[in-house]
C-alpha atoms as a PDB file:
ATOM      1  CA  MET A   1     136.162 120.809 203.237  1.00  0.00           C
ATOM      2  CA  ASP A   2     132.529 121.697 203.806  1.00  0.00           C
ATOM      3  CA  GLU A   3     132.007 120.987 200.059  1.00  0.00           C
ATOM      4  CA  ALA A   4     133.300 117.414 200.615  1.00  0.00           C
ATOM      5  CA  LYS A   5     130.931 116.958 203.544  1.00  0.00           C
ATOM      6  CA  ASN A   6     128.037 118.389 201.590  1.00  0.00           C
ATOM      7  CA  LEU A   7     128.741 116.005 198.630  1.00  0.00           C
ATOM      8  CA  LEU A   8     128.639 113.052 200.995  1.00  0.00           C
ATOM      9  CA  TYR A   9     125.200 114.177 202.201  1.00  0.00           C
ATOM     10  CA  ILE A  10     123.948 114.877 198.774  1.00  0.00           C
ATOM     11  CA  MET A  11     125.082 111.347 197.718  1.00  0.00           C
ATOM     12  CA  THR A  12     123.053 109.911 200.601  1.00  0.00           C
ATOM     13  CA  GLU A  13     119.990 112.025 199.726  1.00  0.00           C
ATOM     14  CA  LYS A  14     120.209 110.797 196.147  1.00  0.00           C
ATOM     15  CA  GLY A  15     120.139 107.183 197.291  1.00  0.00           C
ATOM     16  CA  VAL A  16     123.913 106.567 196.785  1.00  0.00           C
ATOM     17  CA  ALA A  17     125.338 104.988 199.835  1.00  0.00           C
ATOM     18  CA  PRO A  18     128.799 106.215 200.744  1.00  0.00           C
ATOM     19  CA  ASN A  19     131.292 103.467 200.436  1.00  0.00           C
ATOM     20  CA  CYS A  20     134.636 102.942 202.232  1.00  0.00           C
ATOM     21  CA  VAL A  21     136.613 105.136 199.695  1.00  0.00           C
ATOM     22  CA  SER A  22     134.217 108.097 200.130  1.00  0.00           C
ATOM     23  CA  HIS A  23     134.356 107.782 203.899  1.00  0.00           C
ATOM     24  CA  THR A  24     138.135 107.376 203.829  1.00  0.00           C
ATOM     25  CA  THR A  25     138.477 110.461 201.749  1.00  0.00           C
ATOM     26  CA  LEU A  26     136.486 112.584 204.214  1.00  0.00           C
ATOM     27  CA  ILE A  27     138.481 111.140 207.076  1.00  0.00           C
ATOM     28  CA  SER A  28     141.642 111.932 205.343  1.00  0.00           C
ATOM     29  CA  ILE A  29     140.708 115.483 204.903  1.00  0.00           C
ATOM     30  CA  HIS A  30     140.225 115.915 208.629  1.00  0.00           C
ATOM     31  CA  CYS A  31     143.450 114.027 209.388  1.00  0.00           C
ATOM     32  CA  LYS A  32     145.288 116.328 207.073  1.00  0.00           C
ATOM     33  CA  GLU A  33     143.856 119.415 208.863  1.00  0.00           C
ATOM     34  CA  GLY A  34     144.863 117.863 212.245  1.00  0.00           C
ATOM     35  CA  ASP A  35     141.255 117.429 213.359  1.00  0.00           C
ATOM     36  CA  MET A  36     141.516 114.006 214.853  1.00  0.00           C
ATOM     37  CA  VAL A  37     138.410 114.406 216.902  1.00  0.00           C
ATOM     38  CA  GLU A  38     136.309 114.718 213.820  1.00  0.00           C
ATOM     39  CA  ALA A  39     138.258 112.152 211.900  1.00  0.00           C
ATOM     40  CA  ARG A  40     137.670 109.651 214.769  1.00  0.00           C
ATOM     41  CA  ARG A  41     133.985 110.629 214.833  1.00  0.00           C
ATOM     42  CA  LEU A  42     133.701 110.017 211.146  1.00  0.00           C
ATOM     43  CA  PHE A  43     135.514 106.713 211.419  1.00  0.00           C
ATOM     44  CA  ARG A  44     133.105 105.453 214.174  1.00  0.00           C
ATOM     45  CA  GLU A  45     130.158 106.650 212.273  1.00  0.00           C
ATOM     46  CA  MET A  46     131.365 104.703 209.119  1.00  0.00           C
ATOM     47  CA  VAL A  47     131.786 101.564 211.182  1.00  0.00           C
ATOM     48  CA  GLY A  48     128.431 102.182 213.017  1.00  0.00           C
ATOM     49  CA  LYS A  49     126.797 102.427 209.501  1.00  0.00           C
ATOM     50  CA  GLY A  50     128.108  98.962 208.624  1.00  0.00           C
ATOM     51  CA  THR A  51     130.949 100.091 206.234  1.00  0.00           C
ATOM     52  CA  MET A  52     134.073  98.082 206.955  1.00  0.00           C
ATOM     53  CA  PRO A  53     137.262 100.199 207.006  1.00  0.00           C
ATOM     54  CA  SER A  54     140.142  99.103 204.792  1.00  0.00           C
ATOM     55  CA  VAL A  55     143.717  99.027 205.493  1.00  0.00           C
ATOM     56  CA  VAL A  56     143.960 102.451 203.823  1.00  0.00           C
ATOM     57  CA  THR A  57     141.340 103.885 206.165  1.00  0.00           C
ATOM     58  CA  TYR A  58     143.354 102.579 209.157  1.00  0.00           C
ATOM     59  CA  ASN A  59     146.556 103.865 207.783  1.00  0.00           C
ATOM     60  CA  VAL A  60     144.961 107.370 207.297  1.00  0.00           C
ATOM     61  CA  MET A  61     143.905 107.392 210.896  1.00  0.00           C
ATOM     62  CA  MET A  62     147.323 106.102 212.140  1.00  0.00           C
ATOM     63  CA  ASP A  63     149.196 108.731 210.118  1.00  0.00           C
ATOM     64  CA  GLY A  64     146.913 111.492 211.371  1.00  0.00           C
ATOM     65  CA  TYR A  65     147.622 110.401 215.000  1.00  0.00           C
ATOM     66  CA  ILE A  66     151.451 110.124 214.377  1.00  0.00           C
ATOM     67  CA  LYS A  67     151.390 113.708 212.885  1.00  0.00           C
ATOM     68  CA  LYS A  68     149.676 114.820 215.999  1.00  0.00           C
ATOM     69  CA  GLY A  69     152.277 113.155 218.153  1.00  0.00           C
ATOM     70  CA  SER A  70     150.047 110.451 219.430  1.00  0.00           C
ATOM     71  CA  ILE A  71     151.841 107.203 218.607  1.00  0.00           C
ATOM     72  CA  ARG A  72     149.689 105.343 221.264  1.00  0.00           C
ATOM     73  CA  GLU A  73     146.496 106.152 219.426  1.00  0.00           C
ATOM     74  CA  ALA A  74     148.159 105.077 216.183  1.00  0.00           C
ATOM     75  CA  GLU A  75     149.150 101.830 217.767  1.00  0.00           C
ATOM     76  CA  ARG A  76     145.687 101.304 219.040  1.00  0.00           C
ATOM     77  CA  PHE A  77     144.216 101.585 215.621  1.00  0.00           C
ATOM     78  CA  ARG A  78     146.905  98.997 214.377  1.00  0.00           C
ATOM     79  CA  LYS A  79     145.815  96.619 217.019  1.00  0.00           C
ATOM     80  CA  GLU A  80     142.171  97.205 216.151  1.00  0.00           C
ATOM     81  CA  MET A  81     142.997  96.645 212.427  1.00  0.00           C
ATOM     82  CA  GLU A  82     144.613  93.436 212.995  1.00  0.00           C
ATOM     83  CA  LYS A  83     142.015  92.245 215.373  1.00  0.00           C
ATOM     84  CA  LYS A  84     139.458  92.721 212.457  1.00  0.00           C
ATOM     85  CA  GLY A  85     141.621  90.493 210.291  1.00  0.00           C
ATOM     86  CA  LEU A  86     143.361  93.227 208.204  1.00  0.00           C
ATOM     87  CA  VAL A  87     147.037  92.786 207.590  1.00  0.00           C
ATOM     88  CA  PRO A  88     149.339  95.898 207.805  1.00  0.00           C
ATOM     89  CA  ASP A  89     150.937  96.886 204.615  1.00  0.00           C
ATOM     90  CA  VAL A  90     154.142  98.630 203.982  1.00  0.00           C
ATOM     91  CA  TYR A  91     152.545 102.112 204.553  1.00  0.00           C
ATOM     92  CA  THR A  92     151.208 100.929 207.900  1.00  0.00           C
ATOM     93  CA  TYR A  93     154.694  99.883 209.026  1.00  0.00           C
ATOM     94  CA  ALA A  94     156.513 102.977 207.440  1.00  0.00           C
ATOM     95  CA  SER A  95     154.142 105.363 209.279  1.00  0.00           C
ATOM     96  CA  LEU A  96     154.471 103.536 212.603  1.00  0.00           C
ATOM     97  CA  ILE A  97     158.339 103.188 212.245  1.00  0.00           C
ATOM     98  CA  HIS A  98     158.463 106.980 211.479  1.00  0.00           C
ATOM     99  CA  GLY A  99     156.217 107.770 214.490  1.00  0.00           C
ATOM    100  CA  HIS A 100     158.246 105.638 216.856  1.00  0.00           C
ATOM    101  CA  CYS A 101     161.558 107.193 215.559  1.00  0.00           C
ATOM    102  CA  VAL A 102     160.231 110.696 216.020  1.00  0.00           C
ATOM    103  CA  ASN A 103     159.246 109.908 219.466  1.00  0.00           C
ATOM    104  CA  GLY A 104     162.687 108.556 220.354  1.00  0.00           C
ATOM    105  CA  LYS A 105     161.751 104.865 220.423  1.00  0.00           C
ATOM    106  CA  VAL A 106     164.046 103.669 217.754  1.00  0.00           C
ATOM    107  CA  ASP A 107     164.353 100.129 219.222  1.00  0.00           C
ATOM    108  CA  VAL A 108     160.598  99.775 218.881  1.00  0.00           C
ATOM    109  CA  ALA A 109     160.916 100.940 215.414  1.00  0.00           C
ATOM    110  CA  LEU A 110     163.634  98.422 214.663  1.00  0.00           C
ATOM    111  CA  LYS A 111     161.327  95.719 215.951  1.00  0.00           C
ATOM    112  CA  LEU A 112     158.588  96.796 213.734  1.00  0.00           C
ATOM    113  CA  PHE A 113     160.950  96.792 210.843  1.00  0.00           C
ATOM    114  CA  GLU A 114     161.967  93.171 211.524  1.00  0.00           C
ATOM    115  CA  GLU A 115     158.238  92.175 211.996  1.00  0.00           C
ATOM    116  CA  MET A 116     157.413  93.788 208.656  1.00  0.00           C
ATOM    117  CA  LYS A 117     160.195  91.758 206.870  1.00  0.00           C
ATOM    118  CA  GLN A 118     159.314  88.462 208.681  1.00  0.00           C
ATOM    119  CA  ARG A 119     155.631  88.956 207.540  1.00  0.00           C
ATOM    120  CA  GLY A 120     156.838  89.120 203.965  1.00  0.00           C
ATOM    121  CA  THR A 121     156.346  92.921 203.451  1.00  0.00           C
ATOM    122  CA  LYS A 122     159.312  94.495 201.790  1.00  0.00           C
ATOM    123  CA  PRO A 123     160.303  97.760 203.287  1.00  0.00           C
ATOM    124  CA  ASN A 124     160.013 100.898 201.053  1.00  0.00           C
ATOM    125  CA  VAL A 125     162.196 104.008 200.919  1.00  0.00           C
ATOM    126  CA  VAL A 126     160.038 105.763 203.548  1.00  0.00           C
ATOM    127  CA  ALA A 127     160.470 102.931 206.085  1.00  0.00           C
ATOM    128  CA  TYR A 128     164.229 102.783 205.510  1.00  0.00           C
ATOM    129  CA  THR A 129     164.554 106.565 205.685  1.00  0.00           C
ATOM    130  CA  ALA A 130     162.622 106.813 208.931  1.00  0.00           C
ATOM    131  CA  LEU A 131     164.658 104.232 210.612  1.00  0.00           C
ATOM    132  CA  ILE A 132     167.991 105.322 209.270  1.00  0.00           C
ATOM    133  CA  SER A 133     167.178 108.948 210.366  1.00  0.00           C
ATOM    134  CA  GLY A 134     166.149 107.673 213.843  1.00  0.00           C
ATOM    135  CA  LEU A 135     169.324 105.721 214.265  1.00  0.00           C
ATOM    136  CA  ALA A 136     171.450 108.635 213.073  1.00  0.00           C
ATOM    137  CA  LYS A 137     169.785 111.031 215.466  1.00  0.00           C
ATOM    138  CA  GLU A 138     170.585 108.619 218.312  1.00  0.00           C
ATOM    139  CA  GLY A 139     174.262 108.477 217.240  1.00  0.00           C
ATOM    140  CA  ARG A 140     173.982 104.975 216.111  1.00  0.00           C
ATOM    141  CA  SER A 141     175.942 105.563 212.955  1.00  0.00           C
ATOM    142  CA  GLU A 142     177.173 101.993 212.360  1.00  0.00           C
ATOM    143  CA  GLU A 143     173.690 100.787 212.414  1.00  0.00           C
ATOM    144  CA  ALA A 144     172.456 103.529 210.281  1.00  0.00           C
ATOM    145  CA  PHE A 145     175.044 102.876 207.575  1.00  0.00           C
ATOM    146  CA  GLN A 146     174.410  99.146 207.691  1.00  0.00           C
ATOM    147  CA  LEU A 147     170.750  99.794 207.077  1.00  0.00           C
ATOM    148  CA  TYR A 148     171.702 102.143 204.359  1.00  0.00           C
ATOM    149  CA  ASP A 149     173.744  99.384 202.606  1.00  0.00           C
ATOM    150  CA  ASP A 150     170.850  96.980 203.124  1.00  0.00           C
ATOM    151  CA  MET A 151     168.499  99.520 201.364  1.00  0.00           C
ATOM    152  CA  LEU A 152     170.997  99.863 198.420  1.00  0.00           C
ATOM    153  CA  ARG A 153     171.250  96.074 198.187  1.00  0.00           C
ATOM    154  CA  ALA A 154     167.399  95.889 197.960  1.00  0.00           C
ATOM    155  CA  GLY A 155     167.529  98.185 194.965  1.00  0.00           C
ATOM    156  CA  LEU A 156     166.034 101.214 196.598  1.00  0.00           C
ATOM    157  CA  ALA A 157     167.250 104.842 195.959  1.00  0.00           C
ATOM    158  CA  PRO A 158     167.773 107.066 198.853  1.00  0.00           C
ATOM    159  CA  ASP A 159     166.398 110.657 198.868  1.00  0.00           C
ATOM    160  CA  ASP A 160     168.070 113.931 200.067  1.00  0.00           C
ATOM    161  CA  SER A 161     166.678 113.708 203.498  1.00  0.00           C
ATOM    162  CA  LEU A 162     168.375 110.433 204.046  1.00  0.00           C
ATOM    163  CA  TYR A 163     171.733 111.659 203.031  1.00  0.00           C
ATOM    164  CA  SER A 164     171.235 114.744 205.263  1.00  0.00           C
ATOM    165  CA  ALA A 165     170.522 112.499 208.265  1.00  0.00           C
ATOM    166  CA  LEU A 166     173.661 110.475 207.574  1.00  0.00           C
ATOM    167  CA  VAL A 167     175.878 113.472 207.171  1.00  0.00           C
ATOM    168  CA  GLY A 168     174.509 114.942 210.282  1.00  0.00           C
ATOM    169  CA  SER A 169     175.168 111.742 212.148  1.00  0.00           C
ATOM    170  CA  LEU A 170     178.786 111.596 210.988  1.00  0.00           C
ATOM    171  CA  HIS A 171     179.273 115.309 211.982  1.00  0.00           C
ATOM    172  CA  THR A 172     177.555 114.928 215.406  1.00  0.00           C
ATOM    173  CA  ASN A 173     179.349 111.869 216.349  1.00  0.00           C
ATOM    174  CA  LYS A 174     182.574 112.917 214.958  1.00  0.00           C
ATOM    175  CA  ARG A 175     182.744 109.895 212.772  1.00  0.00           C
ATOM    176  CA  GLU A 176     184.776 110.163 209.644  1.00  0.00           C
ATOM    177  CA  ASN A 177     185.999 106.578 209.219  1.00  0.00           C
ATOM    178  CA  ILE A 178     182.625 104.806 208.974  1.00  0.00           C
ATOM    179  CA  LEU A 179     182.101 105.300 205.278  1.00  0.00           C
ATOM    180  CA  PRO A 180     185.006 103.182 204.072  1.00  0.00           C
ATOM    181  CA  GLN A 181     183.906 100.390 206.531  1.00  0.00           C
ATOM    182  CA  THR A 182     180.425 100.130 205.028  1.00  0.00           C
ATOM    183  CA  ARG A 183     181.199 100.542 201.357  1.00  0.00           C
END
């Protein structure tokens, strides 16, 4: 990581101005390490130097905060992003949906899912899986399986974690008759 920082400084010394991509890469390294204080400092420094963050930069910050359990900070970055005229993409929504589900706010995640579709952004497997898993953990098997059917109709292939969540939901809720109803 120090090498990445050094490279950024060497670039600057050689007269090559760091751009959004190089800043975002460095911010991403800190987010992956869970160092949101440094990630935020670098983000603010980037903005202060006149480099406009991209949707990807905001997504990196939001995902970092979500992984640290700070959905509020992630939502603040989303609001800031939209205020600057940037439009959330499928990764923005998938990350926030996951964050809200992990924090037990499945109804908020459902609203985000609907907002995403209304804005013309097609949900990806990650968004569906996060929401289906959240519904399943809350014992909302019927809704989880309905969303699963919607996902299949959209031509998306579920992964192992999705099937595990659905099976767990059926077991936890002693629901064995739901599968024929949704098929």
